[in-house]
Amino acid sequence: TLHYQFYAWYFHTLALMLWISNQYPVLIRVMLMGAIEYSFLVFPATPFSSAVLQISHLFVMWGILNGKVPAARHEQETRKSKPVKKFI
């Protein structure tokens, strides 16, 4: 079954997970968000809506695990401007 309480928490992090990895084109990211939204809006859950949710989650996980997450802007500026001192 699909738990709507989980989706209420998960919805706010979904866009971040899709956009931070930069693995997929924007159209695919929007389609994944739409597929996940569709899966949770179908009541009662059907085998098709559950399969759509599982496949969408696989794509999200694949994007996170294989995408390049950019370094924080602060870290990039720090690396460029200050040499690292080693205390040995």
PDB file of N, CA and C in Angstrom:
ATOM      1  N   THR A   1       0.835  -1.185   0.000  1.00  0.00           N
ATOM      2  CA  THR A   1       0.000   0.000   0.000  1.00  0.00           C
ATOM      3  C   THR A   1       0.879   1.249   0.000  1.00  0.00           C
ATOM      4  N   LEU A   2       0.308   2.331  -0.449  1.00  0.00           N
ATOM      5  CA  LEU A   2       1.018   3.606  -0.494  1.00  0.00           C
ATOM      6  C   LEU A   2       0.603   4.441   0.708  1.00  0.00           C
ATOM      7  N   HIS A   3       1.554   4.876   1.470  1.00  0.00           N
ATOM      8  CA  HIS A   3       1.262   5.639   2.677  1.00  0.00           C
ATOM      9  C   HIS A   3       1.361   7.132   2.374  1.00  0.00           C
ATOM     10  N   TYR A   4       0.263   7.812   2.500  1.00  0.00           N
ATOM     11  CA  TYR A   4       0.195   9.224   2.155  1.00  0.00           C
ATOM     12  C   TYR A   4       0.978  10.089   3.122  1.00  0.00           C
ATOM     13  N   GLN A   5       1.135   9.643   4.368  1.00  0.00           N
ATOM     14  CA  GLN A   5       1.933  10.403   5.328  1.00  0.00           C
ATOM     15  C   GLN A   5       3.387  10.450   4.870  1.00  0.00           C
ATOM     16  N   PHE A   6       3.870   9.361   4.315  1.00  0.00           N
ATOM     17  CA  PHE A   6       5.236   9.327   3.799  1.00  0.00           C
ATOM     18  C   PHE A   6       5.386  10.315   2.644  1.00  0.00           C
ATOM     19  N   TYR A   7       4.415  10.354   1.767  1.00  0.00           N
ATOM     20  CA  TYR A   7       4.492  11.268   0.631  1.00  0.00           C
ATOM     21  C   TYR A   7       4.475  12.720   1.079  1.00  0.00           C
ATOM     22  N   ALA A   8       3.727  13.033   2.131  1.00  0.00           N
ATOM     23  CA  ALA A   8       3.684  14.408   2.636  1.00  0.00           C
ATOM     24  C   ALA A   8       5.072  14.854   3.105  1.00  0.00           C
ATOM     25  N   TRP A   9       5.847  13.948   3.681  1.00  0.00           N
ATOM     26  CA  TRP A   9       7.207  14.268   4.103  1.00  0.00           C
ATOM     27  C   TRP A   9       8.165  14.247   2.918  1.00  0.00           C
ATOM     28  N   TYR A  10       7.987  13.274   2.061  1.00  0.00           N
ATOM     29  CA  TYR A  10       8.902  12.993   0.957  1.00  0.00           C
ATOM     30  C   TYR A  10       8.786  14.007  -0.177  1.00  0.00           C
ATOM     31  N   PHE A  11       7.619  14.574  -0.379  1.00  0.00           N
ATOM     32  CA  PHE A  11       7.372  15.497  -1.491  1.00  0.00           C
ATOM     33  C   PHE A  11       8.350  16.668  -1.495  1.00  0.00           C
ATOM     34  N   HIS A  12       8.679  17.188  -0.318  1.00  0.00           N
ATOM     35  CA  HIS A  12       9.524  18.369  -0.236  1.00  0.00           C
ATOM     36  C   HIS A  12      10.974  18.087  -0.603  1.00  0.00           C
ATOM     37  N   THR A  13      11.393  16.845  -0.521  1.00  0.00           N
ATOM     38  CA  THR A  13      12.777  16.505  -0.861  1.00  0.00           C
ATOM     39  C   THR A  13      12.908  15.947  -2.273  1.00  0.00           C
ATOM     40  N   LEU A  14      11.807  15.651  -2.913  1.00  0.00           N
ATOM     41  CA  LEU A  14      11.843  15.021  -4.233  1.00  0.00           C
ATOM     42  C   LEU A  14      12.524  15.903  -5.275  1.00  0.00           C
ATOM     43  N   ALA A  15      12.162  17.159  -5.331  1.00  0.00           N
ATOM     44  CA  ALA A  15      12.774  18.057  -6.323  1.00  0.00           C
ATOM     45  C   ALA A  15      14.276  18.191  -6.077  1.00  0.00           C
ATOM     46  N   LEU A  16      14.670  18.297  -4.820  1.00  0.00           N
ATOM     47  CA  LEU A  16      16.093  18.390  -4.501  1.00  0.00           C
ATOM     48  C   LEU A  16      16.837  17.146  -4.971  1.00  0.00           C
ATOM     49  N   MET A  17      16.279  15.986  -4.710  1.00  0.00           N
ATOM     50  CA  MET A  17      16.944  14.750  -5.120  1.00  0.00           C
ATOM     51  C   MET A  17      17.073  14.646  -6.636  1.00  0.00           C
ATOM     52  N   LEU A  18      16.079  15.126  -7.360  1.00  0.00           N
ATOM     53  CA  LEU A  18      16.139  15.046  -8.818  1.00  0.00           C
ATOM     54  C   LEU A  18      17.055  16.109  -9.416  1.00  0.00           C
ATOM     55  N   TRP A  19      17.072  17.302  -8.834  1.00  0.00           N
ATOM     56  CA  TRP A  19      17.838  18.388  -9.438  1.00  0.00           C
ATOM     57  C   TRP A  19      19.298  18.421  -9.001  1.00  0.00           C
ATOM     58  N   ILE A  20      19.613  17.944  -7.830  1.00  0.00           N
ATOM     59  CA  ILE A  20      20.982  18.054  -7.353  1.00  0.00           C
ATOM     60  C   ILE A  20      21.916  17.098  -8.091  1.00  0.00           C
ATOM     61  N   SER A  21      21.416  15.963  -8.525  1.00  0.00           N
ATOM     62  CA  SER A  21      22.289  14.999  -9.187  1.00  0.00           C
ATOM     63  C   SER A  21      22.584  15.393 -10.625  1.00  0.00           C
ATOM     64  N   ASN A  22      21.696  16.154 -11.256  1.00  0.00           N
ATOM     65  CA  ASN A  22      21.876  16.608 -12.629  1.00  0.00           C
ATOM     66  C   ASN A  22      22.107  15.440 -13.586  1.00  0.00           C
ATOM     67  N   GLN A  23      21.454  14.324 -13.330  1.00  0.00           N
ATOM     68  CA  GLN A  23      21.639  13.116 -14.129  1.00  0.00           C
ATOM     69  C   GLN A  23      20.709  13.090 -15.347  1.00  0.00           C
ATOM     70  N   TYR A  24      19.521  13.646 -15.231  1.00  0.00           N
ATOM     71  CA  TYR A  24      18.515  13.551 -16.278  1.00  0.00           C
ATOM     72  C   TYR A  24      18.189  14.927 -16.841  1.00  0.00           C
ATOM     73  N   PRO A  25      17.707  14.969 -18.096  1.00  0.00           N
ATOM     74  CA  PRO A  25      17.225  16.246 -18.641  1.00  0.00           C
ATOM     75  C   PRO A  25      16.003  16.731 -17.843  1.00  0.00           C
ATOM     76  N   VAL A  26      15.722  18.009 -17.938  1.00  0.00           N
ATOM     77  CA  VAL A  26      14.635  18.614 -17.155  1.00  0.00           C
ATOM     78  C   VAL A  26      13.295  17.934 -17.449  1.00  0.00           C
ATOM     79  N   LEU A  27      13.025  17.606 -18.690  1.00  0.00           N
ATOM     80  CA  LEU A  27      11.752  16.967 -19.035  1.00  0.00           C
ATOM     81  C   LEU A  27      11.590  15.629 -18.309  1.00  0.00           C
ATOM     82  N   ILE A  28      12.643  14.839 -18.241  1.00  0.00           N
ATOM     83  CA  ILE A  28      12.581  13.552 -17.544  1.00  0.00           C
ATOM     84  C   ILE A  28      12.357  13.769 -16.049  1.00  0.00           C
ATOM     85  N   ARG A  29      13.005  14.780 -15.469  1.00  0.00           N
ATOM     86  CA  ARG A  29      12.822  15.065 -14.038  1.00  0.00           C
ATOM     87  C   ARG A  29      11.370  15.430 -13.737  1.00  0.00           C
ATOM     88  N   VAL A  30      10.795  16.267 -14.576  1.00  0.00           N
ATOM     89  CA  VAL A  30       9.398  16.665 -14.381  1.00  0.00           C
ATOM     90  C   VAL A  30       8.472  15.463 -14.563  1.00  0.00           C
ATOM     91  N   MET A  31       8.777  14.609 -15.534  1.00  0.00           N
ATOM     92  CA  MET A  31       7.968  13.415 -15.747  1.00  0.00           C
ATOM     93  C   MET A  31       8.055  12.462 -14.551  1.00  0.00           C
ATOM     94  N   LEU A  32       9.240  12.339 -13.955  1.00  0.00           N
ATOM     95  CA  LEU A  32       9.377  11.498 -12.761  1.00  0.00           C
ATOM     96  C   LEU A  32       8.564  12.056 -11.601  1.00  0.00           C
ATOM     97  N   MET A  33       8.604  13.375 -11.433  1.00  0.00           N
ATOM     98  CA  MET A  33       7.795  13.981 -10.372  1.00  0.00           C
ATOM     99  C   MET A  33       6.314  13.740 -10.629  1.00  0.00           C
ATOM    100  N   GLY A  34       5.896  13.874 -11.878  1.00  0.00           N
ATOM    101  CA  GLY A  34       4.497  13.630 -12.229  1.00  0.00           C
ATOM    102  C   GLY A  34       4.091  12.177 -12.027  1.00  0.00           C
ATOM    103  N   ALA A  35       4.992  11.251 -12.351  1.00  0.00           N
ATOM    104  CA  ALA A  35       4.681   9.826 -12.172  1.00  0.00           C
ATOM    105  C   ALA A  35       4.531   9.481 -10.692  1.00  0.00           C
ATOM    106  N   ILE A  36       5.381  10.049  -9.855  1.00  0.00           N
ATOM    107  CA  ILE A  36       5.277   9.799  -8.421  1.00  0.00           C
ATOM    108  C   ILE A  36       3.996  10.423  -7.871  1.00  0.00           C
ATOM    109  N   GLU A  37       3.680  11.621  -8.336  1.00  0.00           N
ATOM    110  CA  GLU A  37       2.427  12.277  -7.910  1.00  0.00           C
ATOM    111  C   GLU A  37       1.220  11.430  -8.321  1.00  0.00           C
ATOM    112  N   TYR A  38       1.225  10.944  -9.555  1.00  0.00           N
ATOM    113  CA  TYR A  38       0.136  10.087 -10.030  1.00  0.00           C
ATOM    114  C   TYR A  38      -0.021   8.855  -9.140  1.00  0.00           C
ATOM    115  N   SER A  39       1.091   8.238  -8.797  1.00  0.00           N
ATOM    116  CA  SER A  39       1.051   7.008  -8.001  1.00  0.00           C
ATOM    117  C   SER A  39       0.380   7.218  -6.658  1.00  0.00           C
ATOM    118  N   PHE A  40       0.626   8.357  -6.047  1.00  0.00           N
ATOM    119  CA  PHE A  40       0.029   8.604  -4.736  1.00  0.00           C
ATOM    120  C   PHE A  40      -1.410   9.114  -4.827  1.00  0.00           C
ATOM    121  N   LEU A  41      -1.813   9.650  -5.969  1.00  0.00           N
ATOM    122  CA  LEU A  41      -3.179  10.158  -6.105  1.00  0.00           C
ATOM    123  C   LEU A  41      -4.189   9.075  -6.462  1.00  0.00           C
ATOM    124  N   VAL A  42      -3.731   7.925  -6.920  1.00  0.00           N
ATOM    125  CA  VAL A  42      -4.640   6.830  -7.248  1.00  0.00           C
ATOM    126  C   VAL A  42      -5.089   6.172  -5.953  1.00  0.00           C
ATOM    127  N   PHE A  43      -6.408   6.153  -5.738  1.00  0.00           N
ATOM    128  CA  PHE A  43      -6.943   5.504  -4.549  1.00  0.00           C
ATOM    129  C   PHE A  43      -8.126   4.640  -4.936  1.00  0.00           C
ATOM    130  N   PRO A  44      -8.163   3.421  -4.560  1.00  0.00           N
ATOM    131  CA  PRO A  44      -7.123   2.662  -3.867  1.00  0.00           C
ATOM    132  C   PRO A  44      -5.980   2.343  -4.825  1.00  0.00           C
ATOM    133  N   ALA A  45      -4.853   2.027  -4.270  1.00  0.00           N
ATOM    134  CA  ALA A  45      -3.672   1.728  -5.082  1.00  0.00           C
ATOM    135  C   ALA A  45      -3.933   0.515  -5.972  1.00  0.00           C
ATOM    136  N   THR A  46      -3.437   0.593  -7.184  1.00  0.00           N
ATOM    137  CA  THR A  46      -3.563  -0.507  -8.135  1.00  0.00           C
ATOM    138  C   THR A  46      -2.181  -1.091  -8.393  1.00  0.00           C
ATOM    139  N   PRO A  47      -2.113  -2.272  -8.979  1.00  0.00           N
ATOM    140  CA  PRO A  47      -0.794  -2.816  -9.325  1.00  0.00           C
ATOM    141  C   PRO A  47      -0.027  -1.889 -10.277  1.00  0.00           C
ATOM    142  N   PHE A  48      -0.749  -1.224 -11.183  1.00  0.00           N
ATOM    143  CA  PHE A  48      -0.081  -0.318 -12.116  1.00  0.00           C
ATOM    144  C   PHE A  48       0.502   0.899 -11.402  1.00  0.00           C
ATOM    145  N   SER A  49      -0.279   1.518 -10.508  1.00  0.00           N
ATOM    146  CA  SER A  49       0.229   2.699  -9.806  1.00  0.00           C
ATOM    147  C   SER A  49       1.396   2.337  -8.893  1.00  0.00           C
ATOM    148  N   SER A  50       1.357   1.163  -8.291  1.00  0.00           N
ATOM    149  CA  SER A  50       2.473   0.722  -7.459  1.00  0.00           C
ATOM    150  C   SER A  50       3.716   0.466  -8.297  1.00  0.00           C
ATOM    151  N   ALA A  51       3.543  -0.115  -9.484  1.00  0.00           N
ATOM    152  CA  ALA A  51       4.683  -0.352 -10.375  1.00  0.00           C
ATOM    153  C   ALA A  51       5.279   0.963 -10.859  1.00  0.00           C
ATOM    154  N   VAL A  52       4.430   1.932 -11.187  1.00  0.00           N
ATOM    155  CA  VAL A  52       4.921   3.249 -11.612  1.00  0.00           C
ATOM    156  C   VAL A  52       5.742   3.888 -10.496  1.00  0.00           C
ATOM    157  N   LEU A  53       5.282   3.767  -9.263  1.00  0.00           N
ATOM    158  CA  LEU A  53       6.008   4.331  -8.126  1.00  0.00           C
ATOM    159  C   LEU A  53       7.355   3.647  -7.941  1.00  0.00           C
ATOM    160  N   GLN A  54       7.379   2.343  -8.014  1.00  0.00           N
ATOM    161  CA  GLN A  54       8.634   1.618  -7.824  1.00  0.00           C
ATOM    162  C   GLN A  54       9.644   1.935  -8.932  1.00  0.00           C
ATOM    163  N   ILE A  55       9.197   1.985 -10.160  1.00  0.00           N
ATOM    164  CA  ILE A  55      10.087   2.304 -11.284  1.00  0.00           C
ATOM    165  C   ILE A  55      10.588   3.735 -11.169  1.00  0.00           C
ATOM    166  N   SER A  56       9.723   4.655 -10.779  1.00  0.00           N
ATOM    167  CA  SER A  56      10.137   6.045 -10.598  1.00  0.00           C
ATOM    168  C   SER A  56      11.185   6.162  -9.505  1.00  0.00           C
ATOM    169  N   HIS A  57      10.987   5.440  -8.413  1.00  0.00           N
ATOM    170  CA  HIS A  57      11.968   5.460  -7.324  1.00  0.00           C
ATOM    171  C   HIS A  57      13.304   4.880  -7.765  1.00  0.00           C
ATOM    172  N   LEU A  58      13.271   3.862  -8.608  1.00  0.00           N
ATOM    173  CA  LEU A  58      14.531   3.315  -9.130  1.00  0.00           C
ATOM    174  C   LEU A  58      15.284   4.359  -9.944  1.00  0.00           C
ATOM    175  N   PHE A  59      14.564   5.117 -10.763  1.00  0.00           N
ATOM    176  CA  PHE A  59      15.208   6.172 -11.543  1.00  0.00           C
ATOM    177  C   PHE A  59      15.773   7.271 -10.642  1.00  0.00           C
ATOM    178  N   VAL A  60      15.041   7.644  -9.609  1.00  0.00           N
ATOM    179  CA  VAL A  60      15.520   8.672  -8.680  1.00  0.00           C
ATOM    180  C   VAL A  60      16.787   8.184  -7.980  1.00  0.00           C
ATOM    181  N   MET A  61      16.764   6.943  -7.492  1.00  0.00           N
ATOM    182  CA  MET A  61      17.943   6.396  -6.822  1.00  0.00           C
ATOM    183  C   MET A  61      19.133   6.295  -7.770  1.00  0.00           C
ATOM    184  N   TRP A  62      18.890   5.869  -8.998  1.00  0.00           N
ATOM    185  CA  TRP A  62      19.962   5.764  -9.985  1.00  0.00           C
ATOM    186  C   TRP A  62      20.582   7.141 -10.240  1.00  0.00           C
ATOM    187  N   GLY A  63      19.749   8.152 -10.335  1.00  0.00           N
ATOM    188  CA  GLY A  63      20.257   9.498 -10.558  1.00  0.00           C
ATOM    189  C   GLY A  63      21.092  10.001  -9.397  1.00  0.00           C
ATOM    190  N   ILE A  64      20.681   9.695  -8.185  1.00  0.00           N
ATOM    191  CA  ILE A  64      21.432  10.130  -7.008  1.00  0.00           C
ATOM    192  C   ILE A  64      22.761   9.387  -6.918  1.00  0.00           C
ATOM    193  N   LEU A  65      22.738   8.090  -7.127  1.00  0.00           N
ATOM    194  CA  LEU A  65      23.947   7.283  -6.964  1.00  0.00           C
ATOM    195  C   LEU A  65      24.959   7.490  -8.083  1.00  0.00           C
ATOM    196  N   ASN A  66      24.515   7.809  -9.287  1.00  0.00           N
ATOM    197  CA  ASN A  66      25.423   7.924 -10.420  1.00  0.00           C
ATOM    198  C   ASN A  66      25.645   9.347 -10.912  1.00  0.00           C
ATOM    199  N   GLY A  67      24.918  10.289 -10.357  1.00  0.00           N
ATOM    200  CA  GLY A  67      25.066  11.671 -10.787  1.00  0.00           C
ATOM    201  C   GLY A  67      26.244  12.340 -10.096  1.00  0.00           C
ATOM    202  N   LYS A  68      26.659  13.447 -10.661  1.00  0.00           N
ATOM    203  CA  LYS A  68      27.724  14.232 -10.047  1.00  0.00           C
ATOM    204  C   LYS A  68      27.088  15.336  -9.224  1.00  0.00           C
ATOM    205  N   VAL A  69      27.281  15.261  -7.934  1.00  0.00           N
ATOM    206  CA  VAL A  69      26.755  16.290  -7.047  1.00  0.00           C
ATOM    207  C   VAL A  69      27.767  17.422  -6.991  1.00  0.00           C
ATOM    208  N   PRO A  70      27.361  18.635  -7.340  1.00  0.00           N
ATOM    209  CA  PRO A  70      28.321  19.743  -7.326  1.00  0.00           C
ATOM    210  C   PRO A  70      28.744  20.088  -5.902  1.00  0.00           C
ATOM    211  N   ALA A  71      29.990  20.539  -5.784  1.00  0.00           N
ATOM    212  CA  ALA A  71      30.481  20.979  -4.471  1.00  0.00           C
ATOM    213  C   ALA A  71      29.796  22.279  -4.093  1.00  0.00           C
ATOM    214  N   ALA A  72      29.735  22.542  -2.832  1.00  0.00           N
ATOM    215  CA  ALA A  72      29.121  23.783  -2.359  1.00  0.00           C
ATOM    216  C   ALA A  72      29.943  24.969  -2.848  1.00  0.00           C
ATOM    217  N   ARG A  73      29.288  26.060  -3.125  1.00  0.00           N
ATOM    218  CA  ARG A  73      29.968  27.250  -3.637  1.00  0.00           C
ATOM    219  C   ARG A  73      31.033  27.732  -2.660  1.00  0.00           C
ATOM    220  N   HIS A  74      30.746  27.660  -1.388  1.00  0.00           N
ATOM    221  CA  HIS A  74      31.707  28.082  -0.370  1.00  0.00           C
ATOM    222  C   HIS A  74      32.977  27.229  -0.438  1.00  0.00           C
ATOM    223  N   GLU A  75      32.830  25.919  -0.639  1.00  0.00           N
ATOM    224  CA  GLU A  75      33.986  25.035  -0.739  1.00  0.00           C
ATOM    225  C   GLU A  75      34.812  25.349  -1.976  1.00  0.00           C
ATOM    226  N   GLN A  76      34.172  25.653  -3.090  1.00  0.00           N
ATOM    227  CA  GLN A  76      34.899  25.971  -4.311  1.00  0.00           C
ATOM    228  C   GLN A  76      35.700  27.255  -4.144  1.00  0.00           C
ATOM    229  N   GLU A  77      35.099  28.266  -3.525  1.00  0.00           N
ATOM    230  CA  GLU A  77      35.810  29.525  -3.317  1.00  0.00           C
ATOM    231  C   GLU A  77      36.965  29.359  -2.340  1.00  0.00           C
ATOM    232  N   THR A  78      36.779  28.553  -1.315  1.00  0.00           N
ATOM    233  CA  THR A  78      37.824  28.327  -0.320  1.00  0.00           C
ATOM    234  C   THR A  78      39.009  27.614  -0.947  1.00  0.00           C
ATOM    235  N   ARG A  79      38.753  26.644  -1.783  1.00  0.00           N
ATOM    236  CA  ARG A  79      39.835  25.903  -2.434  1.00  0.00           C
ATOM    237  C   ARG A  79      40.646  26.802  -3.353  1.00  0.00           C
ATOM    238  N   LYS A  80      39.994  27.716  -4.030  1.00  0.00           N
ATOM    239  CA  LYS A  80      40.682  28.581  -4.980  1.00  0.00           C
ATOM    240  C   LYS A  80      41.493  29.677  -4.295  1.00  0.00           C
ATOM    241  N   SER A  81      40.989  30.203  -3.189  1.00  0.00           N
ATOM    242  CA  SER A  81      41.600  31.384  -2.605  1.00  0.00           C
ATOM    243  C   SER A  81      42.628  31.097  -1.516  1.00  0.00           C
ATOM    244  N   LYS A  82      42.476  30.010  -0.778  1.00  0.00           N
ATOM    245  CA  LYS A  82      43.372  29.765   0.340  1.00  0.00           C
ATOM    246  C   LYS A  82      44.057  28.413   0.196  1.00  0.00           C
ATOM    247  N   PRO A  83      45.381  28.397   0.307  1.00  0.00           N
ATOM    248  CA  PRO A  83      46.046  27.109   0.296  1.00  0.00           C
ATOM    249  C   PRO A  83      45.809  26.380   1.623  1.00  0.00           C
ATOM    250  N   VAL A  84      45.773  25.086   1.564  1.00  0.00           N
ATOM    251  CA  VAL A  84      45.533  24.279   2.756  1.00  0.00           C
ATOM    252  C   VAL A  84      46.854  24.124   3.496  1.00  0.00           C
ATOM    253  N   LYS A  85      46.864  24.410   4.802  1.00  0.00           N
ATOM    254  CA  LYS A  85      48.049  24.253   5.620  1.00  0.00           C
ATOM    255  C   LYS A  85      47.990  22.914   6.328  1.00  0.00           C
ATOM    256  N   LYS A  86      49.100  22.204   6.296  1.00  0.00           N
ATOM    257  CA  LYS A  86      49.173  20.916   6.952  1.00  0.00           C
ATOM    258  C   LYS A  86      49.948  21.064   8.252  1.00  0.00           C
ATOM    259  N   PHE A  87      49.388  20.539   9.302  1.00  0.00           N
ATOM    260  CA  PHE A  87      50.048  20.581  10.598  1.00  0.00           C
ATOM    261  C   PHE A  87      50.572  19.178  10.898  1.00  0.00           C
ATOM    262  N   ILE A  88      51.846  19.017  10.736  1.00  0.00           N
ATOM    263  CA  ILE A  88      52.445  17.689  10.982  1.00  0.00           C
ATOM    264  C   ILE A  88      53.553  17.826  12.005  1.00  0.00           C
TER     265      ILE A  88
END
